[in-house]
Amino acid sequence: MAPVIPDWLLWTWRAWNALHHERPHTTEGMAAPMGGTMIRSVPGRITWSSVIRYAEHHGYGHAQTEFLLRVLEKLDETFLEWWSEHARSG
């Protein structure tokens, strides 16, 4: 189900979607003798430097950039919680 985003916040949603693919990933898992492995990629948070670069590219001022940082932090929290729950059940 797609989230309902108020029009005045669409610019932050577009930023999160643009930066979503830049987030770092780590790997976790284990390997067993004879070649058995269970490894998966785990997403991290969108980096501060990515957000700053995005904001500078779009000409955002200090207040807009600070707001964007806070909104993306909350969106990331929600996404990472969802990912963690989904990873456990799937």
C-alpha atoms as a PDB file:
ATOM      1  CA  MET A   1       0.000   0.000   0.000  1.00  0.00           C
ATOM      2  CA  ALA A   2       1.501   3.302  -1.084  1.00  0.00           C
ATOM      3  CA  PRO A   3       1.844   5.975   1.583  1.00  0.00           C
ATOM      4  CA  VAL A   4      -0.222   9.142   1.300  1.00  0.00           C
ATOM      5  CA  ILE A   5       2.196  12.069   1.173  1.00  0.00           C
ATOM      6  CA  PRO A   6       0.866  15.620   1.569  1.00  0.00           C
ATOM      7  CA  ASP A   7       1.751  17.814  -1.404  1.00  0.00           C
ATOM      8  CA  TRP A   8       3.940  20.102   0.699  1.00  0.00           C
ATOM      9  CA  LEU A   9       6.160  17.115   1.624  1.00  0.00           C
ATOM     10  CA  LEU A  10       6.540  15.577  -1.837  1.00  0.00           C
ATOM     11  CA  TRP A  11       9.979  17.155  -2.274  1.00  0.00           C
ATOM     12  CA  THR A  12      11.249  15.201   0.756  1.00  0.00           C
ATOM     13  CA  TRP A  13       9.740  11.948  -0.567  1.00  0.00           C
ATOM     14  CA  ARG A  14      11.438  12.516  -3.928  1.00  0.00           C
ATOM     15  CA  ALA A  15      14.743  13.119  -2.111  1.00  0.00           C
ATOM     16  CA  TRP A  16      14.394   9.909  -0.076  1.00  0.00           C
ATOM     17  CA  ASN A  17      13.636   7.901  -3.201  1.00  0.00           C
ATOM     18  CA  ALA A  18      16.557   9.437  -5.080  1.00  0.00           C
ATOM     19  CA  LEU A  19      18.966   8.745  -2.211  1.00  0.00           C
ATOM     20  CA  HIS A  20      17.560   5.332  -1.257  1.00  0.00           C
ATOM     21  CA  HIS A  21      19.859   3.579  -3.725  1.00  0.00           C
ATOM     22  CA  GLU A  22      22.934   5.353  -2.347  1.00  0.00           C
ATOM     23  CA  ARG A  23      22.550   3.899   1.119  1.00  0.00           C
ATOM     24  CA  PRO A  24      25.434   1.730   2.287  1.00  0.00           C
ATOM     25  CA  HIS A  25      24.945  -1.989   2.794  1.00  0.00           C
ATOM     26  CA  THR A  26      26.798  -4.436   4.979  1.00  0.00           C
ATOM     27  CA  THR A  27      26.778  -8.188   4.806  1.00  0.00           C
ATOM     28  CA  GLU A  28      25.973 -10.531   7.618  1.00  0.00           C
ATOM     29  CA  GLY A  29      25.766 -14.256   7.861  1.00  0.00           C
ATOM     30  CA  MET A  30      27.844 -17.329   8.364  1.00  0.00           C
ATOM     31  CA  ALA A  31      29.749 -19.901   6.423  1.00  0.00           C
ATOM     32  CA  ALA A  32      30.085 -23.568   7.203  1.00  0.00           C
ATOM     33  CA  PRO A  33      32.680 -26.113   6.143  1.00  0.00           C
ATOM     34  CA  MET A  34      32.179 -27.668   2.719  1.00  0.00           C
ATOM     35  CA  GLY A  35      30.937 -24.427   1.170  1.00  0.00           C
ATOM     36  CA  GLY A  36      27.626 -23.817   2.923  1.00  0.00           C
ATOM     37  CA  THR A  37      26.926 -20.115   3.361  1.00  0.00           C
ATOM     38  CA  MET A  38      24.039 -17.984   4.526  1.00  0.00           C
ATOM     39  CA  ILE A  39      24.850 -14.356   3.768  1.00  0.00           C
ATOM     40  CA  ARG A  40      22.580 -11.394   3.161  1.00  0.00           C
ATOM     41  CA  SER A  41      22.969  -7.717   2.418  1.00  0.00           C
ATOM     42  CA  VAL A  42      21.709  -5.412   5.168  1.00  0.00           C
ATOM     43  CA  PRO A  43      20.811  -1.803   4.327  1.00  0.00           C
ATOM     44  CA  GLY A  44      22.201   1.049   6.390  1.00  0.00           C
ATOM     45  CA  ARG A  45      21.063   4.626   6.787  1.00  0.00           C
ATOM     46  CA  ILE A  46      21.295   7.165   3.988  1.00  0.00           C
ATOM     47  CA  THR A  47      24.479   9.075   4.734  1.00  0.00           C
ATOM     48  CA  TRP A  48      24.589  12.678   5.887  1.00  0.00           C
ATOM     49  CA  SER A  49      27.003  13.525   3.091  1.00  0.00           C
ATOM     50  CA  SER A  50      24.581  12.175   0.459  1.00  0.00           C
ATOM     51  CA  VAL A  51      21.795  14.370   1.809  1.00  0.00           C
ATOM     52  CA  ILE A  52      24.056  17.441   1.911  1.00  0.00           C
ATOM     53  CA  ARG A  53      25.216  16.824  -1.660  1.00  0.00           C
ATOM     54  CA  TYR A  54      21.595  16.395  -2.797  1.00  0.00           C
ATOM     55  CA  ALA A  55      20.506  19.588  -1.004  1.00  0.00           C
ATOM     56  CA  GLU A  56      23.395  21.586  -2.468  1.00  0.00           C
ATOM     57  CA  HIS A  57      22.621  20.278  -5.947  1.00  0.00           C
ATOM     58  CA  HIS A  58      19.013  21.452  -5.605  1.00  0.00           C
ATOM     59  CA  GLY A  59      19.961  24.813  -4.067  1.00  0.00           C
ATOM     60  CA  TYR A  60      18.273  24.245  -0.708  1.00  0.00           C
ATOM     61  CA  GLY A  61      19.031  26.717   2.056  1.00  0.00           C
ATOM     62  CA  HIS A  62      20.131  25.860   5.585  1.00  0.00           C
ATOM     63  CA  ALA A  63      16.595  25.529   6.993  1.00  0.00           C
ATOM     64  CA  GLN A  64      15.409  23.325   4.116  1.00  0.00           C
ATOM     65  CA  THR A  65      18.493  21.138   4.416  1.00  0.00           C
ATOM     66  CA  GLU A  66      18.059  20.698   8.180  1.00  0.00           C
ATOM     67  CA  PHE A  67      14.381  19.845   7.673  1.00  0.00           C
ATOM     68  CA  LEU A  68      15.287  17.370   4.929  1.00  0.00           C
ATOM     69  CA  LEU A  69      17.870  15.705   7.178  1.00  0.00           C
ATOM     70  CA  ARG A  70      15.263  15.229   9.926  1.00  0.00           C
ATOM     71  CA  VAL A  71      12.565  13.934   7.574  1.00  0.00           C
ATOM     72  CA  LEU A  72      14.940  11.484   5.877  1.00  0.00           C
ATOM     73  CA  GLU A  73      16.104  10.253   9.286  1.00  0.00           C
ATOM     74  CA  LYS A  74      12.495   9.390  10.195  1.00  0.00           C
ATOM     75  CA  LEU A  75      11.803   7.813   6.802  1.00  0.00           C
ATOM     76  CA  ASP A  76      14.954   5.734   7.187  1.00  0.00           C
ATOM     77  CA  GLU A  77      13.906   4.599  10.672  1.00  0.00           C
ATOM     78  CA  THR A  78      10.565   3.455   9.286  1.00  0.00           C
ATOM     79  CA  PHE A  79      12.145   1.748   6.277  1.00  0.00           C
ATOM     80  CA  LEU A  80      14.806  -0.051   8.351  1.00  0.00           C
ATOM     81  CA  GLU A  81      12.211  -1.258  10.864  1.00  0.00           C
ATOM     82  CA  TRP A  82      10.102  -2.575   7.976  1.00  0.00           C
ATOM     83  CA  TRP A  83      13.153  -4.201   6.379  1.00  0.00           C
ATOM     84  CA  SER A  84      14.158  -5.868   9.642  1.00  0.00           C
ATOM     85  CA  GLU A  85      10.667  -7.283  10.219  1.00  0.00           C
ATOM     86  CA  HIS A  86      10.424  -8.436   6.605  1.00  0.00           C
ATOM     87  CA  ALA A  87      13.862 -10.070   6.741  1.00  0.00           C
ATOM     88  CA  ARG A  88      12.932 -12.051   9.860  1.00  0.00           C
ATOM     89  CA  SER A  89       9.693 -13.347   8.393  1.00  0.00           C
ATOM     90  CA  GLY A  90      10.981 -14.072   4.912  1.00  0.00           C
END
